[in-house]
Amino acid sequence: MTEITEIGYGKINLALAITGCREDGYHNIDTIFQSIGLYDTVTLTEAEEFQLTCSVESLPCDETNLAYRAWKALCPYKKDNHQVAIHIEKRIPIAAGLAGGSTDCAAVLRGLNRLWNLSLSQEELCRIGAKLGADVPFCLCGGTMRGTGIGERLRVLSPLPPWPVALVHPRVAVETKRAYALFDGHKEHGTIDVDAVEAAIEKDDFEALTDAMGNTFEELVMPDVPQVAQCRDRLASLGLQPLMAGSGPTVFALVPPTREEEVRRQVMTWADVDTYMTTIVKRGDGER
């Protein structure tokens, strides 16, 4: 019985600017995606009947799950009657702004493409993935990329060094729809210089990058979810320059390599929140 394992890497946004609303209900963004080493493991095994399970019992395994929707999207391409049992081993926190659902979706698309010998190109998978979720095309590709449109139009940037990344998750959920609703309810928003972030990436300039990073969602979510601001303040108290990940509530900070162990010791003592130390990864397409 054939079994395939895919790695679904999480992501942070080194810059995220919401640039406007669209007639289709989505929002245009200008963002810089970055894969990180925090990952879920997705195992796909040949089976008589379809099954989707997850290590986190509270996560629904029905049509609301992006992994389920990925399976359903590829079923029309299948050439035989074989089915698949999919199991997701979760490490990325749920509804945390780290693309946990999108990366599982991408892992299922990649895994089924291999398991069922569909021979779909990455471009074809991205086209299918874009219909399932805005972050899915990036999660299929991974690395360091600039995304526009709803995030599905991607351009590869120079890979960053494997700098350490501290993540703090305050154990509250922020649904992306809620975050965008907060944006729609405000008339004025700060500006994010995405070009400056890209320029710092091209130079591997740690200080310029951390100075330039920004996220439109921060000014919206932090007043609404004070636990996020508390996480930011705790990382800032260590002399770091934190930023909210995606639509939150996770907050991250790039850590100078010389301070990695010091920061690790500090954040791992914070028992009232979930903390992770990981790194930037050059690839996020399921390859280790």
C-alpha atoms as a PDB file:
ATOM      1  CA  MET A   1       0.000   0.000   0.000  1.00  0.00           C
ATOM      2  CA  THR A   2       1.626   3.221  -1.172  1.00  0.00           C
ATOM      3  CA  GLU A   3       2.159   5.971   1.383  1.00  0.00           C
ATOM      4  CA  ILE A   4       3.423   9.497   0.750  1.00  0.00           C
ATOM      5  CA  THR A   5       4.456  12.103   3.307  1.00  0.00           C
ATOM      6  CA  GLU A   6       4.391  15.819   2.585  1.00  0.00           C
ATOM      7  CA  ILE A   7       5.713  18.641   4.755  1.00  0.00           C
ATOM      8  CA  GLY A   8       3.525  21.734   5.029  1.00  0.00           C
ATOM      9  CA  TYR A   9       5.673  24.675   6.094  1.00  0.00           C
ATOM     10  CA  GLY A  10       4.151  27.702   7.786  1.00  0.00           C
ATOM     11  CA  LYS A  11       4.690  31.259   6.613  1.00  0.00           C
ATOM     12  CA  ILE A  12       5.117  34.766   7.916  1.00  0.00           C
ATOM     13  CA  ASN A  13       4.589  38.024   6.029  1.00  0.00           C
ATOM     14  CA  LEU A  14       7.618  40.306   6.147  1.00  0.00           C
ATOM     15  CA  ALA A  15       5.356  42.998   4.693  1.00  0.00           C
ATOM     16  CA  LEU A  16       1.597  43.037   4.211  1.00  0.00           C
ATOM     17  CA  ALA A  17      -0.225  46.016   2.752  1.00  0.00           C
ATOM     18  CA  ILE A  18      -3.954  45.853   2.020  1.00  0.00           C
ATOM     19  CA  THR A  19      -4.327  47.990  -1.087  1.00  0.00           C
ATOM     20  CA  GLY A  20      -8.086  47.967  -1.608  1.00  0.00           C
ATOM     21  CA  CYS A  21     -11.371  46.101  -1.875  1.00  0.00           C
ATOM     22  CA  ARG A  22     -12.490  44.114  -4.916  1.00  0.00           C
ATOM     23  CA  GLU A  23     -15.899  43.641  -6.465  1.00  0.00           C
ATOM     24  CA  ASP A  24     -15.684  39.882  -5.831  1.00  0.00           C
ATOM     25  CA  GLY A  25     -15.532  40.445  -2.084  1.00  0.00           C
ATOM     26  CA  TYR A  26     -11.797  39.794  -1.767  1.00  0.00           C
ATOM     27  CA  HIS A  27      -9.128  42.403  -1.050  1.00  0.00           C
ATOM     28  CA  ASN A  28      -6.041  43.290  -3.058  1.00  0.00           C
ATOM     29  CA  ILE A  29      -2.795  43.027  -1.147  1.00  0.00           C
ATOM     30  CA  ASP A  30       0.897  43.639  -1.677  1.00  0.00           C
ATOM     31  CA  THR A  31       2.855  41.253   0.508  1.00  0.00           C
ATOM     32  CA  ILE A  32       6.153  39.476   0.964  1.00  0.00           C
ATOM     33  CA  PHE A  33       5.705  35.856   1.989  1.00  0.00           C
ATOM     34  CA  GLN A  34       8.427  33.930   3.790  1.00  0.00           C
ATOM     35  CA  SER A  35       8.450  30.215   4.600  1.00  0.00           C
ATOM     36  CA  ILE A  36       9.495  29.211   8.106  1.00  0.00           C
ATOM     37  CA  GLY A  37      10.579  25.910   9.608  1.00  0.00           C
ATOM     38  CA  LEU A  38       7.442  25.351  11.720  1.00  0.00           C
ATOM     39  CA  TYR A  39       5.523  22.690   9.804  1.00  0.00           C
ATOM     40  CA  ASP A  40       2.663  20.193   9.703  1.00  0.00           C
ATOM     41  CA  THR A  41       3.141  16.653   8.417  1.00  0.00           C
ATOM     42  CA  VAL A  42       0.548  15.329   5.967  1.00  0.00           C
ATOM     43  CA  THR A  43       0.496  11.573   5.271  1.00  0.00           C
ATOM     44  CA  LEU A  44      -1.437  10.198   2.289  1.00  0.00           C
ATOM     45  CA  THR A  45      -2.071   6.450   2.059  1.00  0.00           C
ATOM     46  CA  GLU A  46      -3.876   4.471  -0.626  1.00  0.00           C
ATOM     47  CA  ALA A  47      -7.251   3.315   0.710  1.00  0.00           C
ATOM     48  CA  GLU A  48     -10.580   1.839  -0.359  1.00  0.00           C
ATOM     49  CA  GLU A  49     -12.500   4.869   0.894  1.00  0.00           C
ATOM     50  CA  PHE A  50     -11.617   8.512   1.454  1.00  0.00           C
ATOM     51  CA  GLN A  51     -10.793   9.504   5.000  1.00  0.00           C
ATOM     52  CA  LEU A  52      -9.419  12.700   6.524  1.00  0.00           C
ATOM     53  CA  THR A  53      -8.136  12.741  10.099  1.00  0.00           C
ATOM     54  CA  CYS A  54      -6.168  15.198  12.188  1.00  0.00           C
ATOM     55  CA  SER A  55      -4.107  15.043  15.377  1.00  0.00           C
ATOM     56  CA  VAL A  56      -6.124  17.990  16.735  1.00  0.00           C
ATOM     57  CA  GLU A  57      -9.606  16.714  17.534  1.00  0.00           C
ATOM     58  CA  SER A  58     -11.173  20.180  17.506  1.00  0.00           C
ATOM     59  CA  LEU A  59     -10.233  20.755  13.860  1.00  0.00           C
ATOM     60  CA  PRO A  60     -13.157  19.771  11.595  1.00  0.00           C
ATOM     61  CA  CYS A  61     -12.306  17.183   8.947  1.00  0.00           C
ATOM     62  CA  ASP A  62     -15.240  17.987   6.685  1.00  0.00           C
ATOM     63  CA  GLU A  63     -15.784  20.237   3.663  1.00  0.00           C
ATOM     64  CA  THR A  64     -14.808  23.298   5.746  1.00  0.00           C
ATOM     65  CA  ASN A  65     -11.253  21.973   5.937  1.00  0.00           C
ATOM     66  CA  LEU A  66      -8.994  23.146   3.109  1.00  0.00           C
ATOM     67  CA  ALA A  67      -7.321  19.730   2.975  1.00  0.00           C
ATOM     68  CA  TYR A  68     -10.730  18.158   2.279  1.00  0.00           C
ATOM     69  CA  ARG A  69     -11.358  20.749  -0.433  1.00  0.00           C
ATOM     70  CA  ALA A  70      -7.969  19.977  -2.000  1.00  0.00           C
ATOM     71  CA  TRP A  71      -8.889  16.288  -2.227  1.00  0.00           C
ATOM     72  CA  LYS A  72     -12.246  17.135  -3.756  1.00  0.00           C
ATOM     73  CA  ALA A  73     -10.641  19.494  -6.282  1.00  0.00           C
ATOM     74  CA  LEU A  74      -8.285  16.779  -7.578  1.00  0.00           C
ATOM     75  CA  CYS A  75     -10.805  13.920  -7.682  1.00  0.00           C
ATOM     76  CA  PRO A  76     -11.923  14.811 -11.248  1.00  0.00           C
ATOM     77  CA  TYR A  77      -8.317  14.297 -12.415  1.00  0.00           C
ATOM     78  CA  LYS A  78      -8.077  10.784 -10.953  1.00  0.00           C
ATOM     79  CA  LYS A  79      -7.737   7.969 -13.485  1.00  0.00           C
ATOM     80  CA  ASP A  80      -8.897   5.005 -11.351  1.00  0.00           C
ATOM     81  CA  ASN A  81     -11.120   4.124  -8.392  1.00  0.00           C
ATOM     82  CA  HIS A  82      -8.422   4.221  -5.727  1.00  0.00           C
ATOM     83  CA  GLN A  83      -9.037   6.510  -2.791  1.00  0.00           C
ATOM     84  CA  VAL A  84      -6.841   7.976  -0.084  1.00  0.00           C
ATOM     85  CA  ALA A  85      -6.626   8.251   3.684  1.00  0.00           C
ATOM     86  CA  ILE A  86      -5.142  11.607   4.689  1.00  0.00           C
ATOM     87  CA  HIS A  87      -3.798  12.318   8.158  1.00  0.00           C
ATOM     88  CA  ILE A  88      -2.611  15.758   9.283  1.00  0.00           C
ATOM     89  CA  GLU A  89      -0.167  15.956  12.182  1.00  0.00           C
ATOM     90  CA  LYS A  90      -0.614  19.539  13.344  1.00  0.00           C
ATOM     91  CA  ARG A  91       2.206  21.628  14.761  1.00  0.00           C
ATOM     92  CA  ILE A  92       1.206  24.996  13.332  1.00  0.00           C
ATOM     93  CA  PRO A  93      -1.433  26.595  15.591  1.00  0.00           C
ATOM     94  CA  ILE A  94      -4.902  26.981  14.095  1.00  0.00           C
ATOM     95  CA  ALA A  95      -6.212  30.392  12.912  1.00  0.00           C
ATOM     96  CA  ALA A  96      -2.877  31.918  13.845  1.00  0.00           C
ATOM     97  CA  GLY A  97      -1.908  33.874  10.716  1.00  0.00           C
ATOM     98  CA  LEU A  98       0.741  31.286   9.788  1.00  0.00           C
ATOM     99  CA  ALA A  99      -1.144  29.661   6.855  1.00  0.00           C
ATOM    100  CA  GLY A 100      -1.649  26.363   8.679  1.00  0.00           C
ATOM    101  CA  GLY A 101      -4.773  25.497   6.710  1.00  0.00           C
ATOM    102  CA  SER A 102      -3.370  26.712   3.403  1.00  0.00           C
ATOM    103  CA  THR A 103      -0.126  24.778   3.783  1.00  0.00           C
ATOM    104  CA  ASP A 104      -2.036  21.569   4.580  1.00  0.00           C
ATOM    105  CA  CYS A 105      -4.127  22.208   1.466  1.00  0.00           C
ATOM    106  CA  ALA A 106      -0.973  22.656  -0.606  1.00  0.00           C
ATOM    107  CA  ALA A 107       0.540  19.496   0.876  1.00  0.00           C
ATOM    108  CA  VAL A 108      -2.547  17.487  -0.130  1.00  0.00           C
ATOM    109  CA  LEU A 109      -2.422  18.907  -3.662  1.00  0.00           C
ATOM    110  CA  ARG A 110       1.250  17.994  -4.017  1.00  0.00           C
ATOM    111  CA  GLY A 111       0.790  14.606  -2.374  1.00  0.00           C
ATOM    112  CA  LEU A 112      -2.208  13.548  -4.453  1.00  0.00           C
ATOM    113  CA  ASN A 113      -0.442  14.707  -7.599  1.00  0.00           C
ATOM    114  CA  ARG A 114       2.308  12.214  -6.733  1.00  0.00           C
ATOM    115  CA  LEU A 115       0.138   9.425  -5.298  1.00  0.00           C
ATOM    116  CA  TRP A 116      -2.303   9.427  -8.204  1.00  0.00           C
ATOM    117  CA  ASN A 117       0.352  10.109 -10.885  1.00  0.00           C
ATOM    118  CA  LEU A 118      -1.603  13.083 -12.188  1.00  0.00           C
ATOM    119  CA  SER A 119       1.424  14.809 -13.750  1.00  0.00           C
ATOM    120  CA  LEU A 120      -0.014  18.250 -13.037  1.00  0.00           C
ATOM    121  CA  SER A 121       2.543  21.051 -13.301  1.00  0.00           C
ATOM    122  CA  GLN A 122       3.181  23.452 -10.435  1.00  0.00           C
ATOM    123  CA  GLU A 123       1.454  26.136 -12.482  1.00  0.00           C
ATOM    124  CA  GLU A 124      -1.637  23.947 -12.815  1.00  0.00           C
ATOM    125  CA  LEU A 125      -1.607  23.130  -9.102  1.00  0.00           C
ATOM    126  CA  CYS A 126      -1.327  26.848  -8.286  1.00  0.00           C
ATOM    127  CA  ARG A 127      -4.280  27.599 -10.533  1.00  0.00           C
ATOM    128  CA  ILE A 128      -6.356  24.987  -8.707  1.00  0.00           C
ATOM    129  CA  GLY A 129      -5.043  26.111  -5.317  1.00  0.00           C
ATOM    130  CA  ALA A 130      -5.907  29.769  -5.922  1.00  0.00           C
ATOM    131  CA  LYS A 131      -9.580  28.787  -6.111  1.00  0.00           C
ATOM    132  CA  LEU A 132      -9.315  27.182  -2.666  1.00  0.00           C
ATOM    133  CA  GLY A 133      -7.459  29.890  -0.758  1.00  0.00           C
ATOM    134  CA  ALA A 134      -5.412  33.029  -1.406  1.00  0.00           C
ATOM    135  CA  ASP A 135      -2.301  31.702   0.389  1.00  0.00           C
ATOM    136  CA  VAL A 136      -2.362  28.254  -1.230  1.00  0.00           C
ATOM    137  CA  PRO A 137      -0.306  29.138  -4.351  1.00  0.00           C
ATOM    138  CA  PHE A 138       2.507  30.499  -2.169  1.00  0.00           C
ATOM    139  CA  CYS A 139       2.369  27.417   0.064  1.00  0.00           C
ATOM    140  CA  LEU A 140       2.738  25.261  -3.047  1.00  0.00           C
ATOM    141  CA  CYS A 141       5.897  27.165  -4.036  1.00  0.00           C
ATOM    142  CA  GLY A 142       7.420  28.433  -0.802  1.00  0.00           C
ATOM    143  CA  GLY A 143      10.596  30.353  -0.120  1.00  0.00           C
ATOM    144  CA  THR A 144      10.663  34.157  -0.318  1.00  0.00           C
ATOM    145  CA  MET A 145       8.100  35.649  -2.710  1.00  0.00           C
ATOM    146  CA  ARG A 146       6.232  38.877  -3.332  1.00  0.00           C
ATOM    147  CA  GLY A 147       2.511  38.411  -3.786  1.00  0.00           C
ATOM    148  CA  THR A 148      -0.037  40.773  -5.319  1.00  0.00           C
ATOM    149  CA  GLY A 149      -3.674  40.484  -6.355  1.00  0.00           C
ATOM    150  CA  ILE A 150      -5.237  38.475  -3.543  1.00  0.00           C
ATOM    151  CA  GLY A 151      -1.778  37.005  -2.989  1.00  0.00           C
ATOM    152  CA  GLU A 152      -1.903  34.556  -5.887  1.00  0.00           C
ATOM    153  CA  ARG A 153       0.288  36.547  -8.302  1.00  0.00           C
ATOM    154  CA  LEU A 154       3.765  35.597  -7.169  1.00  0.00           C
ATOM    155  CA  ARG A 155       7.287  36.743  -7.941  1.00  0.00           C
ATOM    156  CA  VAL A 156      10.353  34.955  -6.584  1.00  0.00           C
ATOM    157  CA  LEU A 157      12.757  37.040  -4.472  1.00  0.00           C
ATOM    158  CA  SER A 158      16.307  36.272  -3.382  1.00  0.00           C
ATOM    159  CA  PRO A 159      16.347  33.717  -0.540  1.00  0.00           C
ATOM    160  CA  LEU A 160      17.192  35.016   2.900  1.00  0.00           C
ATOM    161  CA  PRO A 161      19.749  33.419   5.233  1.00  0.00           C
ATOM    162  CA  PRO A 162      18.353  30.931   7.783  1.00  0.00           C
ATOM    163  CA  TRP A 163      17.867  33.622  10.410  1.00  0.00           C
ATOM    164  CA  PRO A 164      16.178  32.518  13.642  1.00  0.00           C
ATOM    165  CA  VAL A 165      12.517  33.425  14.118  1.00  0.00           C
ATOM    166  CA  ALA A 166      10.718  33.710  17.471  1.00  0.00           C
ATOM    167  CA  LEU A 167       6.943  33.119  17.379  1.00  0.00           C
ATOM    168  CA  VAL A 168       4.484  33.901  20.161  1.00  0.00           C
ATOM    169  CA  HIS A 169       0.884  32.718  19.871  1.00  0.00           C
ATOM    170  CA  PRO A 170      -1.539  34.094  22.516  1.00  0.00           C
ATOM    171  CA  ARG A 171      -3.974  31.150  22.353  1.00  0.00           C
ATOM    172  CA  VAL A 172      -6.779  33.163  20.795  1.00  0.00           C
ATOM    173  CA  ALA A 173      -8.018  32.792  17.234  1.00  0.00           C
ATOM    174  CA  VAL A 174      -8.387  35.573  14.681  1.00  0.00           C
ATOM    175  CA  GLU A 175     -10.328  34.523  11.612  1.00  0.00           C
ATOM    176  CA  THR A 176      -9.101  36.168   8.420  1.00  0.00           C
ATOM    177  CA  LYS A 177     -12.638  37.259   7.490  1.00  0.00           C
ATOM    178  CA  ARG A 178     -12.926  39.072  10.819  1.00  0.00           C
ATOM    179  CA  ALA A 179      -9.622  40.856  10.254  1.00  0.00           C
ATOM    180  CA  TYR A 180     -10.686  42.041   6.803  1.00  0.00           C
ATOM    181  CA  ALA A 181     -14.020  43.200   8.235  1.00  0.00           C
ATOM    182  CA  LEU A 182     -12.052  45.417  10.615  1.00  0.00           C
ATOM    183  CA  PHE A 183     -10.234  46.884   7.611  1.00  0.00           C
ATOM    184  CA  ASP A 184     -13.533  47.571   5.845  1.00  0.00           C
ATOM    185  CA  GLY A 185     -14.793  49.359   8.955  1.00  0.00           C
ATOM    186  CA  HIS A 186     -11.934  51.897   8.993  1.00  0.00           C
ATOM    187  CA  LYS A 187     -11.588  54.757   6.508  1.00  0.00           C
ATOM    188  CA  GLU A 188      -7.920  55.577   7.038  1.00  0.00           C
ATOM    189  CA  HIS A 189      -4.952  53.220   7.233  1.00  0.00           C
ATOM    190  CA  GLY A 190      -1.218  53.550   7.625  1.00  0.00           C
ATOM    191  CA  THR A 191       1.090  52.880   4.703  1.00  0.00           C
ATOM    192  CA  ILE A 192       3.504  49.954   4.376  1.00  0.00           C
ATOM    193  CA  ASP A 193       6.618  50.409   2.221  1.00  0.00           C
ATOM    194  CA  VAL A 194       6.795  46.965   0.621  1.00  0.00           C
ATOM    195  CA  ASP A 195       9.462  48.146  -1.818  1.00  0.00           C
ATOM    196  CA  ALA A 196      11.778  49.001   1.095  1.00  0.00           C
ATOM    197  CA  VAL A 197      11.298  45.516   2.525  1.00  0.00           C
ATOM    198  CA  GLU A 198      12.123  43.941  -0.835  1.00  0.00           C
ATOM    199  CA  ALA A 199      15.235  46.120  -1.175  1.00  0.00           C
ATOM    200  CA  ALA A 200      16.467  44.983   2.248  1.00  0.00           C
ATOM    201  CA  ILE A 201      15.863  41.351   1.299  1.00  0.00           C
ATOM    202  CA  GLU A 202      17.902  41.728  -1.868  1.00  0.00           C
ATOM    203  CA  LYS A 203      20.827  43.015   0.251  1.00  0.00           C
ATOM    204  CA  ASP A 204      20.428  40.460   3.101  1.00  0.00           C
ATOM    205  CA  ASP A 205      20.320  43.545   5.342  1.00  0.00           C
ATOM    206  CA  PHE A 206      18.904  42.353   8.678  1.00  0.00           C
ATOM    207  CA  GLU A 207      18.590  45.801  10.292  1.00  0.00           C
ATOM    208  CA  ALA A 208      17.073  47.478   7.238  1.00  0.00           C
ATOM    209  CA  LEU A 209      14.603  44.616   6.903  1.00  0.00           C
ATOM    210  CA  THR A 210      13.420  44.659  10.504  1.00  0.00           C
ATOM    211  CA  ASP A 211      13.151  48.470  10.381  1.00  0.00           C
ATOM    212  CA  ALA A 212      11.028  48.390   7.218  1.00  0.00           C
ATOM    213  CA  MET A 213       8.672  45.477   8.018  1.00  0.00           C
ATOM    214  CA  GLY A 214       5.015  46.344   8.463  1.00  0.00           C
ATOM    215  CA  ASN A 215       1.510  44.898   8.401  1.00  0.00           C
ATOM    216  CA  THR A 216      -1.746  46.781   7.800  1.00  0.00           C
ATOM    217  CA  PHE A 217      -3.599  44.286   9.995  1.00  0.00           C
ATOM    218  CA  GLU A 218      -1.630  45.295  13.116  1.00  0.00           C
ATOM    219  CA  GLU A 219      -3.389  48.624  13.622  1.00  0.00           C
ATOM    220  CA  LEU A 220      -6.733  46.857  13.162  1.00  0.00           C
ATOM    221  CA  VAL A 221      -6.356  43.640  15.165  1.00  0.00           C
ATOM    222  CA  MET A 222      -4.281  44.778  18.142  1.00  0.00           C
ATOM    223  CA  PRO A 223      -6.894  47.203  19.549  1.00  0.00           C
ATOM    224  CA  ASP A 224      -9.554  44.540  19.012  1.00  0.00           C
ATOM    225  CA  VAL A 225      -7.496  41.653  20.466  1.00  0.00           C
ATOM    226  CA  PRO A 226      -5.308  43.083  23.265  1.00  0.00           C
ATOM    227  CA  GLN A 227      -3.519  39.745  23.783  1.00  0.00           C
ATOM    228  CA  VAL A 228      -1.764  40.368  20.457  1.00  0.00           C
ATOM    229  CA  ALA A 229      -0.388  43.714  21.611  1.00  0.00           C
ATOM    230  CA  GLN A 230       0.807  42.049  24.819  1.00  0.00           C
ATOM    231  CA  CYS A 231       2.773  39.490  22.803  1.00  0.00           C
ATOM    232  CA  ARG A 232       4.301  42.269  20.717  1.00  0.00           C
ATOM    233  CA  ASP A 233       5.339  44.152  23.841  1.00  0.00           C
ATOM    234  CA  ARG A 234       6.964  41.071  25.353  1.00  0.00           C
ATOM    235  CA  LEU A 235       9.101  40.458  22.271  1.00  0.00           C
ATOM    236  CA  ALA A 236       9.931  44.160  22.073  1.00  0.00           C
ATOM    237  CA  SER A 237      11.094  44.050  25.699  1.00  0.00           C
ATOM    238  CA  LEU A 238      13.855  41.678  24.520  1.00  0.00           C
ATOM    239  CA  GLY A 239      15.147  44.346  22.153  1.00  0.00           C
ATOM    240  CA  LEU A 240      13.543  42.741  19.084  1.00  0.00           C
ATOM    241  CA  GLN A 241      11.331  44.347  16.432  1.00  0.00           C
ATOM    242  CA  PRO A 242       8.169  42.205  16.391  1.00  0.00           C
ATOM    243  CA  LEU A 243       5.445  42.103  13.770  1.00  0.00           C
ATOM    244  CA  MET A 244       2.073  40.397  13.660  1.00  0.00           C
ATOM    245  CA  ALA A 245       1.986  37.398  11.316  1.00  0.00           C
ATOM    246  CA  GLY A 246      -0.632  37.678   8.583  1.00  0.00           C
ATOM    247  CA  SER A 247      -4.030  38.498  10.046  1.00  0.00           C
ATOM    248  CA  GLY A 248      -2.833  37.392  13.492  1.00  0.00           C
ATOM    249  CA  PRO A 249      -2.871  36.676  16.301  1.00  0.00           C
ATOM    250  CA  THR A 250       0.676  35.221  16.228  1.00  0.00           C
ATOM    251  CA  VAL A 251       3.491  37.736  16.611  1.00  0.00           C
ATOM    252  CA  PHE A 252       6.986  37.009  15.308  1.00  0.00           C
ATOM    253  CA  ALA A 253      10.405  38.589  15.438  1.00  0.00           C
ATOM    254  CA  LEU A 254      13.516  37.940  13.388  1.00  0.00           C
ATOM    255  CA  VAL A 255      16.345  37.238  15.810  1.00  0.00           C
ATOM    256  CA  PRO A 256      20.025  38.095  15.262  1.00  0.00           C
ATOM    257  CA  PRO A 257      21.849  34.737  15.078  1.00  0.00           C
ATOM    258  CA  THR A 258      24.173  35.775  17.914  1.00  0.00           C
ATOM    259  CA  ARG A 259      21.142  36.136  20.213  1.00  0.00           C
ATOM    260  CA  GLU A 260      19.285  32.951  19.268  1.00  0.00           C
ATOM    261  CA  GLU A 261      19.996  30.958  22.441  1.00  0.00           C
ATOM    262  CA  GLU A 262      19.427  33.946  24.714  1.00  0.00           C
ATOM    263  CA  VAL A 263      16.032  34.685  23.130  1.00  0.00           C
ATOM    264  CA  ARG A 264      15.121  30.989  23.167  1.00  0.00           C
ATOM    265  CA  ARG A 265      15.742  30.790  26.915  1.00  0.00           C
ATOM    266  CA  GLN A 266      13.601  33.863  27.513  1.00  0.00           C
ATOM    267  CA  VAL A 267      10.558  33.026  25.390  1.00  0.00           C
ATOM    268  CA  MET A 268      10.394  29.406  26.486  1.00  0.00           C
ATOM    269  CA  THR A 269       9.671  30.585  30.048  1.00  0.00           C
ATOM    270  CA  TRP A 270       6.424  32.276  28.961  1.00  0.00           C
ATOM    271  CA  ALA A 271       3.997  29.561  30.048  1.00  0.00           C
ATOM    272  CA  ASP A 272       0.779  31.530  29.403  1.00  0.00           C
ATOM    273  CA  VAL A 273       1.352  31.629  25.628  1.00  0.00           C
ATOM    274  CA  ASP A 274       2.575  29.198  22.972  1.00  0.00           C
ATOM    275  CA  THR A 275       6.126  29.964  21.910  1.00  0.00           C
ATOM    276  CA  TYR A 276       8.223  28.548  19.095  1.00  0.00           C
ATOM    277  CA  MET A 277      11.778  29.078  17.924  1.00  0.00           C
ATOM    278  CA  THR A 278      12.264  28.261  14.267  1.00  0.00           C
ATOM    279  CA  THR A 279      14.156  29.594  11.257  1.00  0.00           C
ATOM    280  CA  ILE A 280      13.618  31.039   7.829  1.00  0.00           C
ATOM    281  CA  VAL A 281      13.708  28.264   5.227  1.00  0.00           C
ATOM    282  CA  LYS A 282      14.773  28.788   1.620  1.00  0.00           C
ATOM    283  CA  ARG A 283      12.169  26.349   0.315  1.00  0.00           C
ATOM    284  CA  GLY A 284       8.642  25.777   1.500  1.00  0.00           C
ATOM    285  CA  ASP A 285       7.337  23.448  -1.181  1.00  0.00           C
ATOM    286  CA  GLY A 286       7.434  20.272   0.897  1.00  0.00           C
ATOM    287  CA  GLU A 287      11.177  19.719   0.551  1.00  0.00           C
ATOM    288  CA  ARG A 288      13.259  19.647   3.710  1.00  0.00           C
END
